[in-house]
Amino acid sequence: MSDPDPFEEGQRAARKNIPAAANPYRDGSEQHSLWAAGHESVAGEIEAGESEAS
């Protein structure tokens, strides 16, 4: 597996509290969209977990 997966990179970035604006891919590219989707999937989980206050 030589090419990084933009979706997984976006997920890792969200877990490290890296903002979505730090997307390293060119805006409008497929990689940009995948990175953003990965970031949002984790960011949404984190927000949901914080609002549930276990």
N, C-alpha and C. Protein backbone atom coordinates (compact mmCIF):
# COMPACT_ATOMS: atom_id res chain seq x y z
N MET A 1 0.85 -1.20 0.00
CA MET A 1 0.00 0.00 0.00
C MET A 1 0.89 1.24 0.00
N SER A 2 1.18 1.76 -1.19
CA SER A 2 2.11 2.87 -1.28
C SER A 2 1.43 4.24 -1.21
N ASP A 3 0.24 4.34 -1.79
CA ASP A 3 -0.46 5.63 -1.77
C ASP A 3 -1.26 5.79 -0.49
N PRO A 4 -1.15 6.95 0.15
CA PRO A 4 -1.96 7.17 1.35
C PRO A 4 -3.44 7.31 0.98
N ASP A 5 -4.30 6.89 1.89
CA ASP A 5 -5.74 7.01 1.68
C ASP A 5 -6.20 8.35 2.24
N PRO A 6 -6.67 9.26 1.38
CA PRO A 6 -7.09 10.58 1.86
C PRO A 6 -8.17 10.52 2.94
N PHE A 7 -9.10 9.55 2.82
CA PHE A 7 -10.17 9.43 3.82
C PHE A 7 -9.56 9.11 5.19
N GLU A 8 -8.63 8.15 5.23
CA GLU A 8 -7.98 7.78 6.49
C GLU A 8 -7.10 8.92 7.01
N GLU A 9 -6.45 9.64 6.11
CA GLU A 9 -5.64 10.79 6.54
C GLU A 9 -6.53 11.84 7.21
N GLY A 10 -7.71 12.07 6.64
CA GLY A 10 -8.65 13.03 7.23
C GLY A 10 -9.11 12.58 8.60
N GLN A 11 -9.35 11.27 8.75
CA GLN A 11 -9.75 10.74 10.06
C GLN A 11 -8.64 10.95 11.09
N ARG A 12 -7.41 10.64 10.71
CA ARG A 12 -6.28 10.83 11.63
C ARG A 12 -6.13 12.30 12.02
N ALA A 13 -6.30 13.18 11.06
CA ALA A 13 -6.18 14.61 11.33
C ALA A 13 -7.22 15.05 12.36
N ALA A 14 -8.44 14.59 12.21
CA ALA A 14 -9.51 14.96 13.15
C ALA A 14 -9.18 14.44 14.55
N ARG A 15 -8.67 13.22 14.64
CA ARG A 15 -8.32 12.66 15.95
C ARG A 15 -7.20 13.45 16.62
N LYS A 16 -6.35 14.09 15.80
CA LYS A 16 -5.25 14.89 16.33
C LYS A 16 -5.66 16.36 16.51
N ASN A 17 -6.95 16.64 16.37
CA ASN A 17 -7.49 18.00 16.49
C ASN A 17 -6.93 18.97 15.46
N ILE A 18 -6.60 18.44 14.30
CA ILE A 18 -6.15 19.29 13.20
C ILE A 18 -7.41 19.80 12.50
N PRO A 19 -7.53 21.10 12.29
CA PRO A 19 -8.76 21.65 11.71
C PRO A 19 -8.97 21.23 10.27
N ALA A 20 -10.23 21.18 9.85
CA ALA A 20 -10.58 20.79 8.49
C ALA A 20 -9.93 21.71 7.46
N ALA A 21 -9.67 22.95 7.84
CA ALA A 21 -9.05 23.91 6.91
C ALA A 21 -7.62 23.50 6.54
N ALA A 22 -7.05 22.56 7.27
CA ALA A 22 -5.69 22.11 6.99
C ALA A 22 -5.63 21.03 5.92
N ASN A 23 -6.74 20.78 5.24
CA ASN A 23 -6.81 19.77 4.17
C ASN A 23 -5.67 20.05 3.18
N PRO A 24 -4.76 19.07 3.01
CA PRO A 24 -3.58 19.31 2.16
C PRO A 24 -3.83 19.15 0.67
N TYR A 25 -5.02 18.72 0.29
CA TYR A 25 -5.30 18.46 -1.12
C TYR A 25 -5.93 19.66 -1.81
N ARG A 26 -5.76 19.73 -3.13
CA ARG A 26 -6.27 20.84 -3.92
C ARG A 26 -7.80 20.86 -3.83
N ASP A 27 -8.35 22.02 -3.53
CA ASP A 27 -9.80 22.19 -3.42
C ASP A 27 -10.46 21.79 -4.73
N GLY A 28 -11.48 20.98 -4.63
CA GLY A 28 -12.20 20.52 -5.80
C GLY A 28 -11.74 19.15 -6.30
N SER A 29 -10.62 18.67 -5.76
CA SER A 29 -10.12 17.37 -6.19
C SER A 29 -10.84 16.25 -5.44
N GLU A 30 -10.79 15.04 -6.01
CA GLU A 30 -11.41 13.89 -5.34
C GLU A 30 -10.75 13.64 -3.99
N GLN A 31 -9.42 13.79 -3.94
CA GLN A 31 -8.70 13.58 -2.68
C GLN A 31 -9.14 14.58 -1.61
N HIS A 32 -9.37 15.82 -2.02
CA HIS A 32 -9.83 16.85 -1.08
C HIS A 32 -11.17 16.44 -0.48
N SER A 33 -12.07 15.96 -1.33
CA SER A 33 -13.39 15.54 -0.87
C SER A 33 -13.30 14.34 0.07
N LEU A 34 -12.45 13.37 -0.28
CA LEU A 34 -12.29 12.19 0.58
C LEU A 34 -11.70 12.56 1.93
N TRP A 35 -10.69 13.43 1.92
CA TRP A 35 -10.05 13.87 3.17
C TRP A 35 -11.09 14.57 4.04
N ALA A 36 -11.87 15.46 3.44
CA ALA A 36 -12.89 16.19 4.18
C ALA A 36 -13.94 15.24 4.75
N ALA A 37 -14.34 14.24 3.98
CA ALA A 37 -15.34 13.28 4.46
C ALA A 37 -14.79 12.48 5.64
N GLY A 38 -13.54 12.06 5.55
CA GLY A 38 -12.92 11.34 6.65
C GLY A 38 -12.82 12.20 7.90
N HIS A 39 -12.44 13.44 7.72
CA HIS A 39 -12.32 14.38 8.84
C HIS A 39 -13.67 14.58 9.50
N GLU A 40 -14.70 14.78 8.69
CA GLU A 40 -16.04 15.03 9.22
C GLU A 40 -16.59 13.81 9.94
N SER A 41 -16.28 12.62 9.43
CA SER A 41 -16.80 11.41 10.08
C SER A 41 -16.29 11.29 11.51
N VAL A 42 -15.03 11.60 11.72
CA VAL A 42 -14.45 11.51 13.06
C VAL A 42 -14.87 12.72 13.89
N ALA A 43 -14.85 13.91 13.30
CA ALA A 43 -15.24 15.11 14.04
C ALA A 43 -16.68 15.00 14.53
N GLY A 44 -17.55 14.42 13.72
CA GLY A 44 -18.94 14.21 14.12
C GLY A 44 -19.05 13.25 15.28
N GLU A 45 -18.26 12.18 15.26
CA GLU A 45 -18.26 11.21 16.37
C GLU A 45 -17.76 11.87 17.66
N ILE A 46 -16.72 12.68 17.53
CA ILE A 46 -16.16 13.35 18.70
C ILE A 46 -17.18 14.31 19.29
N GLU A 47 -17.84 15.09 18.44
CA GLU A 47 -18.86 16.03 18.93
C GLU A 47 -20.01 15.29 19.59
N ALA A 48 -20.45 14.20 19.00
CA ALA A 48 -21.56 13.43 19.55
C ALA A 48 -21.17 12.88 20.92
N GLY A 49 -19.97 12.40 21.04
CA GLY A 49 -19.49 11.86 22.31
C GLY A 49 -19.40 12.92 23.39
N GLU A 50 -18.99 14.12 23.00
CA GLU A 50 -18.90 15.22 23.99
C GLU A 50 -20.27 15.68 24.43
N SER A 51 -21.24 15.64 23.55
CA SER A 51 -22.57 16.13 23.92
C SER A 51 -23.37 15.10 24.72
N GLU A 52 -22.96 13.83 24.68
CA GLU A 52 -23.68 12.79 25.42
C GLU A 52 -23.30 12.77 26.89
N ALA A 53 -22.19 13.34 27.25
CA ALA A 53 -21.72 13.43 28.64
C ALA A 53 -22.05 12.17 29.47
N SER A 54 -21.30 11.13 29.23
CA SER A 54 -21.54 9.85 29.89
C SER A 54 -21.47 9.96 31.39
